[in-house]
Protein backbone atom coordinates (compact mmCIF):
# COMPACT_ATOMS: atom_id res chain seq x y z
CA MET A 1 99.20 62.42 -55.16
CA LYS A 2 96.29 62.32 -52.36
CA GLU A 3 96.31 59.37 -50.54
CA ASN A 4 93.31 57.16 -48.94
CA ILE A 5 93.62 55.88 -45.84
CA VAL A 6 91.43 52.84 -45.05
CA ASN A 7 92.38 51.26 -41.68
CA ASN A 8 95.58 52.86 -41.38
CA PHE A 9 96.62 51.16 -44.81
CA CYS A 10 97.85 53.60 -47.23
CA LEU A 11 96.02 52.79 -51.02
CA THR A 12 97.18 55.01 -53.41
CA PRO A 13 94.69 55.55 -56.33
CA PRO A 14 95.08 55.14 -60.38
CA GLU A 15 97.07 57.92 -61.70
CA GLU A 16 94.69 60.55 -63.53
CA THR A 17 94.96 58.58 -66.70
CA PRO A 18 93.86 60.77 -69.65
CA GLU A 19 90.65 59.20 -71.33
CA ARG A 20 92.13 59.15 -74.55
CA PHE A 21 93.76 55.73 -73.15
CA PHE A 22 90.43 54.24 -73.57
CA TYR A 23 88.24 52.97 -76.50
CA GLY A 24 84.70 52.22 -74.77
CA MET A 25 84.10 50.90 -71.48
CA TYR A 26 85.27 48.28 -69.21
CA LYS A 27 82.44 45.88 -67.97
CA ILE A 28 82.71 44.96 -64.24
CA GLN A 29 80.47 42.44 -62.85
CA THR A 30 79.14 42.00 -59.33
CA LEU A 31 78.42 38.73 -58.30
CA ASN A 32 77.07 40.16 -54.56
CA LYS A 33 76.36 43.48 -52.88
CA ILE A 34 79.15 45.71 -53.40
CA SER A 35 79.32 48.85 -51.16
CA SER A 36 77.98 51.55 -53.00
CA GLY A 37 80.95 53.90 -51.60
CA GLY A 38 83.18 51.56 -53.63
CA LEU A 39 81.25 51.43 -56.46
CA LYS A 40 81.02 55.24 -56.82
CA LYS A 41 84.70 55.40 -57.40
CA LEU A 42 84.18 53.65 -60.82
CA PRO A 43 83.12 56.76 -63.33
CA PHE A 44 80.66 56.13 -65.44
CA GLU A 45 82.43 57.21 -68.80
CA LEU A 46 84.86 54.63 -68.40
CA TYR A 47 82.91 51.84 -66.85
CA GLU A 48 79.99 49.95 -67.36
CA ILE A 49 78.59 47.93 -63.74
CA ALA A 50 75.80 45.14 -63.71
CA SER A 51 75.52 41.82 -62.01
CA GLU A 52 75.01 40.19 -65.16
CA PHE A 53 77.48 40.03 -67.84
CA ARG A 54 78.32 37.97 -70.88
CA ASP A 55 82.21 38.99 -71.38
CA PRO A 56 82.86 41.25 -68.59
CA ASP A 57 86.39 42.37 -68.38
CA ALA A 58 86.36 42.06 -64.59
CA ILE A 59 84.71 40.86 -61.04
CA LEU A 60 83.83 42.18 -58.55
CA VAL A 61 83.09 39.74 -55.39
CA ARG A 62 82.90 39.35 -51.38
CA SER A 63 81.62 35.60 -51.09
CA ALA A 64 79.61 33.88 -53.82
CA ALA A 65 81.28 30.99 -55.04
CA MET A 66 83.25 30.91 -58.07
CA HIS A 67 84.65 27.34 -58.59
CA ASP A 68 82.15 26.47 -61.49
CA MET A 69 82.12 29.14 -63.42
CA VAL A 70 83.17 29.84 -66.88
CA PHE A 71 85.37 32.40 -67.40
CA SER A 72 85.62 33.80 -70.56
CA ASP A 73 88.53 35.33 -72.75
CA ASN A 74 87.92 38.97 -71.91
CA LEU A 75 87.84 38.50 -68.20
CA LYS A 76 91.19 40.04 -67.02
CA ALA A 77 90.89 40.54 -63.18
CA ILE A 78 88.64 39.32 -60.22
CA ALA A 79 88.50 41.89 -56.94
CA ARG A 80 87.77 39.92 -53.75
CA ALA A 81 86.13 42.67 -51.22
CA GLY A 82 87.72 41.16 -48.52
CA ALA A 83 90.74 38.88 -47.69
CA GLY A 84 89.81 35.39 -47.99
CA VAL A 85 89.86 33.99 -51.79
CA ASN A 86 88.74 30.38 -51.19
CA ASN A 87 85.65 30.82 -53.00
CA ILE A 88 87.57 32.10 -56.44
CA PRO A 89 89.89 29.11 -58.19
CA ILE A 90 93.17 30.59 -57.89
CA GLU A 91 94.97 28.21 -59.78
CA ARG A 92 92.25 28.45 -63.04
CA CYS A 93 92.76 32.29 -63.05
CA SER A 94 96.49 32.03 -62.93
CA ASP A 95 96.38 29.38 -65.92
CA LYS A 96 94.25 31.92 -68.25
CA GLY A 97 96.54 35.22 -66.92
CA ILE A 98 93.47 36.35 -64.92
CA VAL A 99 94.82 38.61 -61.54
CA VAL A 100 92.94 37.93 -58.62
CA PHE A 101 93.20 40.65 -55.84
CA ASN A 102 92.02 40.41 -52.21
CA THR A 103 92.04 43.20 -49.61
CA PRO A 104 93.87 42.59 -46.80
CA GLY A 105 93.65 44.54 -43.60
CA ALA A 106 90.52 47.06 -45.06
CA ASN A 107 88.43 45.16 -42.58
CA ALA A 108 91.26 44.84 -39.49
CA ASN A 109 89.39 46.94 -37.08
CA ALA A 110 86.02 45.84 -37.86
CA VAL A 111 87.42 42.08 -36.28
CA LYS A 112 89.99 43.64 -33.58
CA GLU A 113 86.93 45.49 -32.19
CA LEU A 114 84.82 41.98 -32.55
CA VAL A 115 88.24 39.85 -31.13
CA ILE A 116 88.36 42.41 -27.99
CA SER A 117 84.77 42.17 -27.08
CA ALA A 118 85.18 38.41 -27.27
CA LEU A 119 88.16 38.72 -25.16
CA LEU A 120 86.07 40.35 -22.07
CA MET A 121 82.91 37.92 -22.74
CA SER A 122 84.96 34.88 -22.44
CA SER A 123 86.19 36.05 -18.98
CA ARG A 124 83.00 37.55 -17.62
CA ARG A 125 80.72 35.24 -18.63
CA ILE A 126 78.32 38.18 -19.58
CA VAL A 127 76.57 36.44 -22.39
CA ASP A 128 75.48 33.52 -19.80
CA GLY A 129 74.42 36.24 -17.36
CA ILE A 130 72.12 37.98 -19.73
CA VAL A 131 70.42 34.85 -21.28
CA TRP A 132 69.79 33.71 -17.65
CA SER A 133 68.33 37.15 -16.23
CA LYS A 134 65.92 36.59 -19.40
CA THR A 135 64.51 33.56 -17.77
CA ILE A 136 63.42 35.68 -14.60
CA VAL A 137 61.51 38.41 -16.76
CA ASP A 138 58.52 37.16 -14.77
CA LYS A 139 59.33 37.17 -11.07
CA GLY A 140 58.16 41.02 -10.55
CA ALA A 141 59.48 41.95 -7.17
CA GLU A 142 61.61 38.92 -6.54
CA ILE A 143 63.92 39.88 -9.59
CA LYS A 144 66.25 41.94 -7.42
CA ALA A 145 66.89 39.13 -4.58
CA LEU A 146 67.18 36.80 -7.65
CA VAL A 147 69.87 38.70 -9.22
CA GLU A 148 71.98 39.30 -5.61
CA LYS A 149 71.76 35.98 -5.35
CA GLU A 150 72.63 34.18 -8.40
CA LYS A 151 75.52 36.90 -9.73
CA SER A 152 78.19 34.82 -8.37
CA THR A 153 77.43 32.05 -10.88
CA PHE A 154 78.53 34.35 -13.86
CA SER A 155 81.61 36.05 -12.46
CA GLY A 156 84.82 35.92 -13.96
CA PRO A 157 88.80 37.39 -14.09
CA GLU A 158 89.43 40.73 -15.41
CA ILE A 159 91.70 40.48 -18.46
CA MET A 160 94.13 43.62 -16.97
CA GLY A 161 97.44 42.10 -16.14
CA LYS A 162 96.67 39.06 -17.81
CA THR A 163 98.75 37.65 -20.65
CA LEU A 164 97.71 37.39 -23.95
CA GLY A 165 99.40 35.47 -26.78
CA VAL A 166 98.90 36.76 -30.39
CA VAL A 167 99.94 34.17 -33.28
CA GLY A 168 100.40 36.26 -36.81
CA LEU A 169 101.10 39.89 -36.19
CA GLY A 170 99.04 40.99 -39.62
CA ALA A 171 96.98 43.94 -40.13
CA ILE A 172 94.45 42.37 -37.42
CA GLY A 173 96.72 40.75 -34.93
CA MET A 174 98.63 44.01 -35.04
CA LEU A 175 95.77 45.84 -33.88
CA VAL A 176 94.87 43.26 -31.17
CA SER A 177 97.78 43.19 -29.66
CA ASN A 178 98.14 47.56 -29.40
CA ALA A 179 94.25 47.44 -28.79
CA ALA A 180 95.04 44.53 -25.79
CA LEU A 181 98.34 46.60 -24.53
CA ALA A 182 95.73 49.83 -23.68
CA LEU A 183 93.56 47.85 -21.78
CA GLY A 184 96.33 46.60 -19.53
CA MET A 185 97.34 43.23 -20.68
CA ARG A 186 100.44 41.49 -21.00
CA VAL A 187 101.31 40.80 -24.72
CA ILE A 188 103.36 38.55 -26.37
CA GLY A 189 103.35 37.46 -30.05
CA TYR A 190 104.98 35.22 -32.57
CA ASP A 191 105.20 35.80 -36.08
CA PRO A 192 108.27 34.26 -38.03
CA TYR A 193 106.96 36.31 -40.98
CA ILE A 194 106.15 39.59 -40.07
CA SER A 195 106.00 42.11 -42.78
CA VAL A 196 107.73 45.19 -42.41
CA ASP A 197 104.71 47.28 -42.57
CA ALA A 198 102.86 45.49 -40.01
CA ALA A 199 106.13 45.48 -37.56
CA TRP A 200 106.42 49.45 -38.20
CA GLN A 201 103.05 49.63 -36.84
CA LEU A 202 103.26 47.36 -33.43
CA SER A 203 103.80 48.36 -29.99
CA LYS A 204 106.98 48.33 -29.06
CA ASP A 205 105.78 46.76 -25.80
CA VAL A 206 104.69 43.61 -27.44
CA GLU A 207 107.05 40.75 -26.50
CA LYS A 208 108.39 38.76 -28.82
CA ALA A 209 108.11 34.76 -28.43
CA VAL A 210 111.00 32.71 -29.58
CA SER A 211 108.93 29.72 -30.25
CA LEU A 212 104.88 28.81 -30.66
CA ASP A 213 105.28 26.33 -27.69
CA GLN A 214 106.65 29.70 -25.35
CA LEU A 215 103.98 31.82 -26.27
CA ILE A 216 101.19 29.02 -25.65
CA SER A 217 102.30 27.78 -22.39
CA HIS A 218 102.65 31.42 -21.08
CA SER A 219 99.19 32.88 -22.03
CA ASP A 220 96.09 33.09 -20.26
CA TYR A 221 94.39 34.29 -23.56
CA ILE A 222 95.53 33.30 -27.30
CA SER A 223 93.89 35.05 -29.83
CA LEU A 224 95.00 33.14 -33.36
CA HIS A 225 95.49 35.66 -36.75
CA THR A 226 97.12 33.35 -39.12
CA PRO A 227 95.91 32.38 -42.78
CA LEU A 228 94.84 29.41 -43.78
CA LEU A 229 97.40 27.27 -45.48
CA ASP A 230 98.56 23.70 -45.88
CA SER A 231 101.36 24.40 -42.97
CA THR A 232 98.61 26.13 -40.80
CA ARG A 233 95.64 23.53 -41.45
CA GLY A 234 94.63 22.00 -37.73
CA PHE A 235 97.92 23.46 -35.85
CA MET A 236 96.17 24.00 -32.92
CA ASP A 237 95.74 20.38 -31.74
CA LYS A 238 96.51 18.38 -28.48
CA SER A 239 100.35 18.65 -28.55
CA ASN A 240 99.49 22.65 -27.74
CA PHE A 241 96.82 21.78 -25.34
CA SER A 242 98.78 19.87 -23.64
CA ILE A 243 101.03 22.45 -22.70
CA MET A 244 98.65 25.45 -22.15
CA LYS A 245 97.51 27.05 -18.76
CA PRO A 246 94.30 24.95 -17.92
CA ASP A 247 92.09 28.43 -17.12
CA ALA A 248 93.52 29.16 -20.69
CA ARG A 249 91.45 30.81 -23.30
CA LEU A 250 91.36 30.03 -27.00
CA LEU A 251 90.31 32.63 -29.14
CA ASN A 252 90.11 32.06 -33.19
CA PHE A 253 88.38 34.72 -35.71
CA ALA A 254 90.49 33.59 -38.23
CA ARG A 255 89.89 30.37 -40.19
CA GLY A 256 88.06 27.45 -38.33
CA GLU A 257 90.23 25.27 -39.92
CA LEU A 258 93.29 26.39 -37.98
CA VAL A 259 92.06 23.82 -35.19
CA ASN A 260 91.71 20.56 -34.46
CA LYS A 261 88.50 20.14 -33.61
CA ILE A 262 88.18 17.22 -31.82
CA ASP A 263 91.64 17.92 -30.03
CA VAL A 264 89.67 21.43 -28.67
CA LEU A 265 86.23 19.20 -28.16
CA ASP A 266 88.55 16.84 -26.07
CA ALA A 267 90.97 19.26 -24.18
CA LEU A 268 87.73 21.49 -23.08
CA ASN A 269 85.87 18.25 -21.80
CA GLN A 270 89.28 17.32 -19.83
CA GLY A 271 89.63 21.01 -18.48
CA LYS A 272 93.13 21.58 -20.20
CA LEU A 273 90.94 24.47 -21.55
CA ALA A 274 88.58 26.71 -20.40
CA TRP A 275 86.84 28.42 -23.12
CA TYR A 276 86.94 28.09 -26.87
CA VAL A 277 85.71 31.78 -28.76
CA THR A 278 85.42 31.13 -32.62
CA ASP A 279 83.48 32.90 -35.25
CA PHE A 280 82.87 29.70 -37.35
CA PRO A 281 80.13 27.19 -35.62
CA ASP A 282 78.88 23.96 -36.19
CA ALA A 283 76.74 21.76 -34.87
CA ASP A 284 79.27 20.11 -32.33
CA TYR A 285 80.37 23.81 -30.88
CA LEU A 286 77.08 25.05 -30.44
CA GLN A 287 75.94 21.91 -28.29
CA HIS A 288 79.12 22.26 -26.18
CA PRO A 289 78.87 24.61 -23.24
CA LYS A 290 82.14 25.60 -23.01
CA VAL A 291 82.36 27.35 -26.66
CA MET A 292 81.54 30.67 -27.55
CA ALA A 293 80.47 30.69 -31.41
CA PHE A 294 79.87 34.12 -33.25
CA PRO A 295 77.71 33.74 -36.32
CA HIS A 296 80.79 34.40 -38.78
CA LEU A 297 80.44 38.45 -37.52
CA GLY A 298 83.98 39.31 -38.31
CA ALA A 299 83.91 41.81 -41.00
CA SER A 300 80.09 42.34 -40.58
CA THR A 301 80.24 46.46 -40.26
CA PRO A 302 79.08 48.56 -42.75
CA GLU A 303 82.47 50.55 -42.35
CA SER A 304 84.07 47.47 -43.30
CA GLU A 305 82.09 46.78 -46.37
CA GLU A 306 82.86 50.37 -47.84
CA ASN A 307 86.71 49.81 -46.46
CA CYS A 308 86.79 46.33 -48.85
CA ALA A 309 84.97 47.48 -51.75
CA MET A 310 87.07 50.85 -52.01
CA MET A 311 90.22 49.06 -51.86
CA ALA A 312 88.94 46.41 -54.16
CA VAL A 313 87.88 49.13 -56.72
CA HIS A 314 91.11 50.69 -56.46
CA GLN A 315 93.27 47.99 -57.15
CA LEU A 316 90.91 47.12 -59.88
CA ARG A 317 91.27 50.61 -61.76
CA ASP A 318 94.66 50.51 -61.14
CA TYR A 319 95.18 47.31 -62.65
CA LEU A 320 92.81 47.65 -65.65
CA GLU A 321 93.84 51.61 -66.50
CA ASN A 322 97.33 51.31 -65.52
CA GLY A 323 98.58 47.36 -65.94
CA ASN A 324 99.65 48.23 -62.03
CA ILE A 325 99.10 44.68 -59.33
CA ARG A 326 98.77 45.39 -55.78
CA ASN A 327 97.45 42.64 -53.39
CA SER A 328 97.17 40.07 -55.69
CA VAL A 329 97.10 36.62 -54.42
CA ASN A 330 98.19 34.75 -57.33
CA PHE A 331 100.43 37.50 -59.56
CA PRO A 332 103.59 39.71 -58.24
CA LYS A 333 102.96 43.01 -56.75
CA ALA A 334 104.16 45.50 -60.00
CA TYR A 335 103.78 49.03 -60.18
CA MET A 336 104.98 51.82 -62.49
CA PRO A 337 103.83 54.99 -63.23
CA ARG A 338 102.38 56.05 -66.50
CA ASN A 339 104.59 58.23 -68.86
CA GLY A 340 101.88 59.53 -70.97
CA GLY A 341 102.34 56.53 -73.79
CA TRP A 342 101.62 53.51 -74.80
CA ARG A 343 101.48 50.43 -72.56
CA LEU A 344 102.33 46.30 -72.72
CA THR A 345 101.29 44.24 -70.17
CA ILE A 346 102.87 40.53 -70.51
CA ALA A 347 102.16 37.49 -67.88
CA ASN A 348 104.18 34.26 -68.44
CA ARG A 349 105.54 31.20 -66.59
CA ASN A 350 108.43 32.16 -64.70
CA ILE A 351 110.53 30.17 -66.96
CA PRO A 352 114.26 31.07 -68.38
CA ASP A 353 114.99 33.47 -71.63
CA MET A 354 111.25 34.52 -71.52
CA VAL A 355 112.24 38.43 -71.39
CA ARG A 356 114.73 38.24 -74.02
CA GLN A 357 112.22 36.62 -76.40
CA ILE A 358 109.76 39.44 -75.63
CA THR A 359 112.32 42.21 -76.26
CA THR A 360 113.12 40.16 -79.36
CA VAL A 361 109.36 40.22 -80.90
CA LEU A 362 109.62 44.04 -79.82
CA SER A 363 113.19 44.91 -81.36
CA ASP A 364 112.47 43.21 -85.10
CA GLU A 365 109.08 45.15 -85.18
CA LYS A 366 111.25 48.34 -84.58
CA ILE A 367 109.39 49.24 -81.34
CA ASN A 368 111.44 51.25 -78.80
CA ILE A 369 111.36 50.31 -74.98
CA ALA A 370 110.76 53.20 -72.90
CA ASP A 371 110.85 52.08 -69.72
CA MET A 372 110.14 48.31 -68.20
CA LEU A 373 109.44 46.69 -65.22
CA ASN A 374 109.82 42.68 -64.54
CA LYS A 375 108.67 40.71 -61.22
CA ASN A 376 107.88 37.30 -60.18
CA GLN A 377 105.98 35.60 -57.87
CA GLY A 378 106.21 31.45 -57.87
CA ASN A 379 105.41 30.53 -61.32
CA ILE A 380 104.31 33.51 -62.80
CA ALA A 381 106.14 36.70 -64.09
CA TYR A 382 104.74 39.85 -65.08
CA ASN A 383 106.18 42.72 -67.34
CA ILE A 384 105.22 46.35 -67.54
CA ILE A 385 106.45 47.49 -70.64
CA ASP A 386 106.21 51.03 -71.88
CA ILE A 387 106.50 51.68 -75.39
CA ASP A 388 107.37 54.95 -77.96
CA GLN A 389 104.86 53.80 -80.59
CA PRO A 390 101.72 52.03 -81.46
CA ILE A 391 102.05 48.09 -81.95
CA ALA A 392 100.70 46.29 -84.34
CA ASP A 393 98.26 43.54 -84.20
CA ALA A 394 100.54 41.31 -85.55
CA SER A 395 103.16 42.09 -83.10
CA ILE A 396 100.73 41.50 -80.45
CA GLU A 397 100.20 37.64 -81.80
CA LYS A 398 103.48 37.51 -82.31
CA LEU A 399 103.94 37.82 -78.42
CA ARG A 400 100.98 35.87 -77.52
CA GLN A 401 102.43 33.09 -79.83
CA ILE A 402 105.59 32.91 -77.58
CA ASN A 403 105.49 29.53 -75.78
CA GLY A 404 104.74 30.30 -72.00
CA VAL A 405 103.13 33.37 -72.57
CA MET A 406 99.64 33.60 -71.04
CA MET A 407 98.15 36.92 -71.28
CA VAL A 408 99.01 39.80 -73.42
CA ARG A 409 97.22 43.37 -72.81
CA VAL A 410 97.70 46.78 -74.24
CA LEU A 411 96.90 50.22 -72.88
CA ASN A 412 96.95 52.73 -76.10
CA PRO A 413 94.05 54.99 -77.65
CA ASN A 414 92.38 51.95 -79.68
CA SER A 415 92.02 49.41 -77.40
CA LYS A 416 91.83 48.01 -73.77
């Protein structure tokens, strides 16, 4: 089976599923402009794509706000072409059995390149120098002398030999760490939850910090790459700034809310922090002379947008056509190859005795189970069940009536 490589992440495309498994077309609603490279992966004989649908089977979205949207009972999945899902009502989707996908790692290279450029610009005062140069455009023959006189104003340290502390070693943090090593920096990493995939790709020369405090106190530059959770909201605060080197520079291209803004500004004003570089500007940051604020450029590359769209589409197709789930933020990972027959997928509350009740219905209806997978994540469990024969509508209704069942889908010749 061929693999699609997107920023060093393997995406396995949906298996070649015979068209006989579908009756009619899946309706895919797009809420934002989605890269054509991704949409082309939805074969026209199976998928209808439009920005307006009354009852879509799935939604492809980037940044559109969905919290006030009304979801029809026909909606099966939402695929976010990006990593963050704060624009999607996750809890409501879970209650309705709607699988929400995101695309972690698809924009990792774009963010890594921006972080490295910010690392250099925060050291050498490149932006200030360029802005000043434009002020002498009308000086004619004096320009050369003025440049020689003022250039020391914009001097700054080299990054080679300095220490970069990377907080969070996921897809982006791993790439930033490896790139910084290649530029001659010493890199210290901290991530108590590092994944096996990230660990495999992380250079062996990245040093492991035993604690966040150790990383902060030893770093000349600190780059944040952690998700925004209740436990990480505002975690960079005055207690951390108090142990930083006074000329340290803090880079935040993950989420603006990871830092306590009041404490950041106080640290800058008191000389406890040299520079704060962020991709999340606001009025306070834009007014401060020691803040370099980018207009949320992290994933703003055509390559990143296409990678995100392609990854979102592959995951959406594999779910709609095969019932497999990869990179969902509210459902467990679940994959089982198709055997060419009928397939049931059932989502239920993660409570005792659910599997027995489901299999009892099938047994009572004389339906043989050829293969079965049961996975759970938090309060949700998900089942993929391959059966040897068609299942009657009455039997499907019995499954839906089980207390705790949230969704039942049948993949067969006559139904989606």
